[in-house]
Amino acid sequence: MKNVFTILFLLFLIQTNSQSQFVGKYKDYWEHELKLNSDSSFIYSLDVCKRFGWTIGTWSVKNDTIHLKQITLYDTIRFRNCDKKVRIDSLVVSRNLKSKIILCPDSIDNTYTGVTQIIANFKTKFYKKRDRLYLIDEKGQLIKEEWYVLPSKERFPLYYFKEKEKNDHTR
């Protein structure tokens, strides 16, 4: 019986160590950021033209592929009629990392902050090679193309690199 517990403990350590090699903060050349935490949670963020987007979730490793599972956060908007007796609750996608209840008069807000939760077109699979994360498409193929930035037309690869690598990166 003692041998069974020892084997199970060793298998747990191997699994933990194999996932720990992926933990860290990764960025691409467009300031998209993917942070893989040691507790198997992640946060992904982007900042494009002063519009900030984010998503959170959990991650796991299967074979040589990192799989991300998004968790959509919602806020509750609470509507009440004039006598405050009838209440209708409605869910909306949250703008920040904490779900909350918004009372109707407080929710009428014409100031758009530019912050939004990413709920569509999010890549959920990555392949790791030498501290870089390469995107995997829906068919399971690595995305190897490069994008260029106007007006210079300088080309950049689509992979993510560990943040420490950026200063001494060579292609």
Protein backbone atom coordinates (compact mmCIF):
# COMPACT_ATOMS: atom_id res chain seq x y z
CA MET A 1 0.00 0.00 0.00
CA LYS A 2 2.87 2.33 0.82
CA ASN A 3 4.31 1.75 -2.67
CA VAL A 4 1.00 2.77 -4.28
CA PHE A 5 1.02 6.10 -2.42
CA THR A 6 4.66 6.65 -3.36
CA ILE A 7 3.92 6.03 -7.05
CA LEU A 8 0.88 8.32 -6.99
CA PHE A 9 2.92 11.05 -5.28
CA LEU A 10 5.70 10.74 -7.88
CA LEU A 11 3.18 10.93 -10.72
CA PHE A 12 1.72 14.07 -9.14
CA LEU A 13 5.19 15.64 -8.92
CA ILE A 14 5.94 14.81 -12.55
CA GLN A 15 2.64 16.37 -13.68
CA THR A 16 3.26 19.47 -11.55
CA ASN A 17 6.81 19.89 -12.86
CA SER A 18 5.74 19.39 -16.47
CA GLN A 19 3.17 22.21 -16.16
CA SER A 20 5.52 24.51 -14.24
CA GLN A 21 7.73 24.92 -17.32
CA PHE A 22 4.87 26.84 -18.98
CA VAL A 23 4.18 29.26 -16.11
CA GLY A 24 5.04 32.88 -16.86
CA LYS A 25 4.15 36.01 -18.78
CA TYR A 26 4.20 35.91 -22.59
CA LYS A 27 3.82 38.80 -25.04
CA ASP A 28 3.71 39.24 -28.79
CA TYR A 29 4.77 42.22 -30.91
CA TRP A 30 1.32 43.84 -30.67
CA GLU A 31 1.33 44.03 -26.86
CA HIS A 32 -1.05 41.12 -26.44
CA GLU A 33 -0.19 39.45 -23.15
CA LEU A 34 -0.87 35.94 -21.87
CA LYS A 35 -0.05 35.19 -18.25
CA LEU A 36 -0.10 31.52 -17.25
CA ASN A 37 -0.28 31.19 -13.48
CA SER A 38 0.98 28.27 -11.41
CA ASP A 39 -2.56 27.59 -10.14
CA SER A 40 -3.62 26.74 -13.76
CA SER A 41 -5.45 30.05 -14.22
CA PHE A 42 -4.64 32.55 -16.96
CA ILE A 43 -5.35 36.11 -17.94
CA TYR A 44 -5.08 37.33 -21.51
CA SER A 45 -5.10 41.02 -22.35
CA LEU A 46 -4.62 43.26 -25.35
CA ASP A 47 -4.29 46.99 -25.88
CA VAL A 48 -5.02 48.08 -29.43
CA CYS A 49 -5.54 51.76 -30.32
CA LYS A 50 -6.38 52.61 -26.70
CA ARG A 51 -9.02 49.87 -26.55
CA PHE A 52 -8.27 47.38 -23.82
CA GLY A 53 -9.63 43.84 -23.86
CA TRP A 54 -9.17 40.86 -21.56
CA THR A 55 -10.31 37.35 -20.80
CA ILE A 56 -9.60 34.89 -17.99
CA GLY A 57 -9.87 31.17 -17.53
CA THR A 58 -7.96 27.99 -16.79
CA TRP A 59 -5.21 26.25 -18.71
CA SER A 60 -3.92 22.71 -18.99
CA VAL A 61 -1.32 20.80 -20.97
CA LYS A 62 -2.22 17.77 -23.07
CA ASN A 63 0.65 16.12 -24.92
CA ASP A 64 2.61 19.13 -26.25
CA THR A 65 -0.30 21.56 -26.47
CA ILE A 66 -1.47 24.21 -24.03
CA HIS A 67 -5.27 24.37 -23.90
CA LEU A 68 -7.02 27.50 -22.62
CA LYS A 69 -10.61 27.40 -21.36
CA GLN A 70 -12.26 30.80 -21.11
CA ILE A 71 -14.52 31.81 -18.25
CA THR A 72 -16.95 34.58 -19.15
CA LEU A 73 -17.75 36.90 -16.25
CA TYR A 74 -21.14 38.55 -15.99
CA ASP A 75 -22.57 41.50 -14.11
CA THR A 76 -26.20 41.62 -13.00
CA ILE A 77 -28.20 44.71 -13.93
CA ARG A 78 -31.10 45.10 -11.50
CA PHE A 79 -34.15 46.99 -12.76
CA ARG A 80 -36.93 48.17 -10.42
CA ASN A 81 -40.12 50.03 -11.15
CA CYS A 82 -41.00 53.35 -9.49
CA ASP A 83 -42.48 51.81 -6.33
CA LYS A 84 -39.38 49.57 -6.06
CA LYS A 85 -41.51 46.43 -5.75
CA VAL A 86 -40.95 44.71 -9.09
CA ARG A 87 -37.44 43.63 -9.80
CA ILE A 88 -36.05 42.26 -13.04
CA ASP A 89 -32.45 41.07 -13.22
CA SER A 90 -30.53 40.87 -16.46
CA LEU A 91 -27.02 39.57 -17.15
CA VAL A 92 -24.45 41.50 -19.17
CA VAL A 93 -20.82 40.69 -19.92
CA SER A 94 -18.63 42.27 -17.24
CA ARG A 95 -16.20 45.08 -18.10
CA ASN A 96 -13.79 44.18 -15.32
CA LEU A 97 -12.42 41.19 -13.44
CA LYS A 98 -15.04 41.18 -10.68
CA SER A 99 -18.72 40.39 -11.12
CA LYS A 100 -21.09 42.85 -9.50
CA ILE A 101 -24.72 43.96 -9.21
CA ILE A 102 -25.50 47.26 -10.96
CA LEU A 103 -28.66 49.08 -9.92
CA CYS A 104 -30.56 50.42 -12.92
CA PRO A 105 -30.19 54.19 -12.32
CA ASP A 106 -26.45 53.63 -11.83
CA SER A 107 -26.19 51.59 -15.00
CA ILE A 108 -27.35 54.39 -17.28
CA ASP A 109 -23.92 55.57 -18.32
CA ASN A 110 -22.97 57.16 -21.62
CA THR A 111 -19.24 57.12 -20.91
CA TYR A 112 -17.63 54.20 -22.70
CA THR A 113 -14.34 53.25 -21.09
CA GLY A 114 -12.99 51.25 -24.01
CA VAL A 115 -12.57 48.21 -21.74
CA THR A 116 -14.25 45.02 -22.84
CA GLN A 117 -14.17 41.32 -22.12
CA ILE A 118 -13.08 39.20 -25.07
CA ILE A 119 -15.75 36.59 -25.74
CA ALA A 120 -15.21 35.72 -29.42
CA ASN A 121 -12.35 34.93 -31.83
CA PHE A 122 -9.97 33.95 -29.05
CA LYS A 123 -7.31 31.34 -29.86
CA THR A 124 -7.33 28.61 -27.25
CA LYS A 125 -4.43 26.36 -28.27
CA PHE A 126 -0.69 26.99 -28.20
CA TYR A 127 2.44 24.93 -28.82
CA LYS A 128 5.55 25.73 -26.73
CA LYS A 129 9.03 25.63 -28.20
CA ARG A 130 12.08 27.37 -26.63
CA ASP A 131 10.12 29.81 -24.42
CA ARG A 132 7.81 30.73 -27.27
CA LEU A 133 4.13 29.97 -27.65
CA TYR A 134 2.93 29.36 -31.20
CA LEU A 135 -0.76 29.68 -32.06
CA ILE A 136 -2.55 26.57 -33.30
CA ASP A 137 -5.48 26.94 -35.70
CA GLU A 138 -8.79 25.05 -35.66
CA LYS A 139 -7.30 22.26 -37.81
CA GLY A 140 -4.47 21.67 -35.33
CA GLN A 141 -1.80 23.32 -37.52
CA LEU A 142 0.79 25.83 -36.30
CA ILE A 143 0.16 29.36 -37.51
CA LYS A 144 3.53 30.33 -39.04
CA GLU A 145 2.62 33.44 -40.99
CA GLU A 146 4.00 36.89 -40.21
CA TRP A 147 2.07 40.14 -40.04
CA TYR A 148 3.45 43.45 -41.14
CA VAL A 149 2.93 46.86 -39.65
CA LEU A 150 1.95 49.80 -41.83
CA PRO A 151 3.43 52.09 -43.07
CA SER A 152 6.88 50.56 -42.55
CA LYS A 153 5.77 47.08 -43.70
CA GLU A 154 8.13 45.58 -41.15
CA ARG A 155 7.20 41.93 -40.63
CA PHE A 156 6.68 40.34 -37.23
CA PRO A 157 6.00 36.68 -36.34
CA LEU A 158 2.75 35.76 -34.60
CA TYR A 159 4.23 33.80 -31.70
CA TYR A 160 4.30 34.88 -28.06
CA PHE A 161 7.63 35.07 -26.22
CA LYS A 162 8.45 35.11 -22.53
CA GLU A 163 8.69 38.72 -21.46
CA LYS A 164 12.39 38.48 -20.54
CA GLU A 165 13.24 37.46 -24.12
CA LYS A 166 12.04 40.66 -25.82
CA ASN A 167 15.21 42.76 -25.39
CA ASP A 168 17.58 40.19 -26.84
CA HIS A 169 15.21 38.63 -29.40
CA THR A 170 16.66 37.63 -32.73
CA ARG A 171 14.68 35.97 -35.49
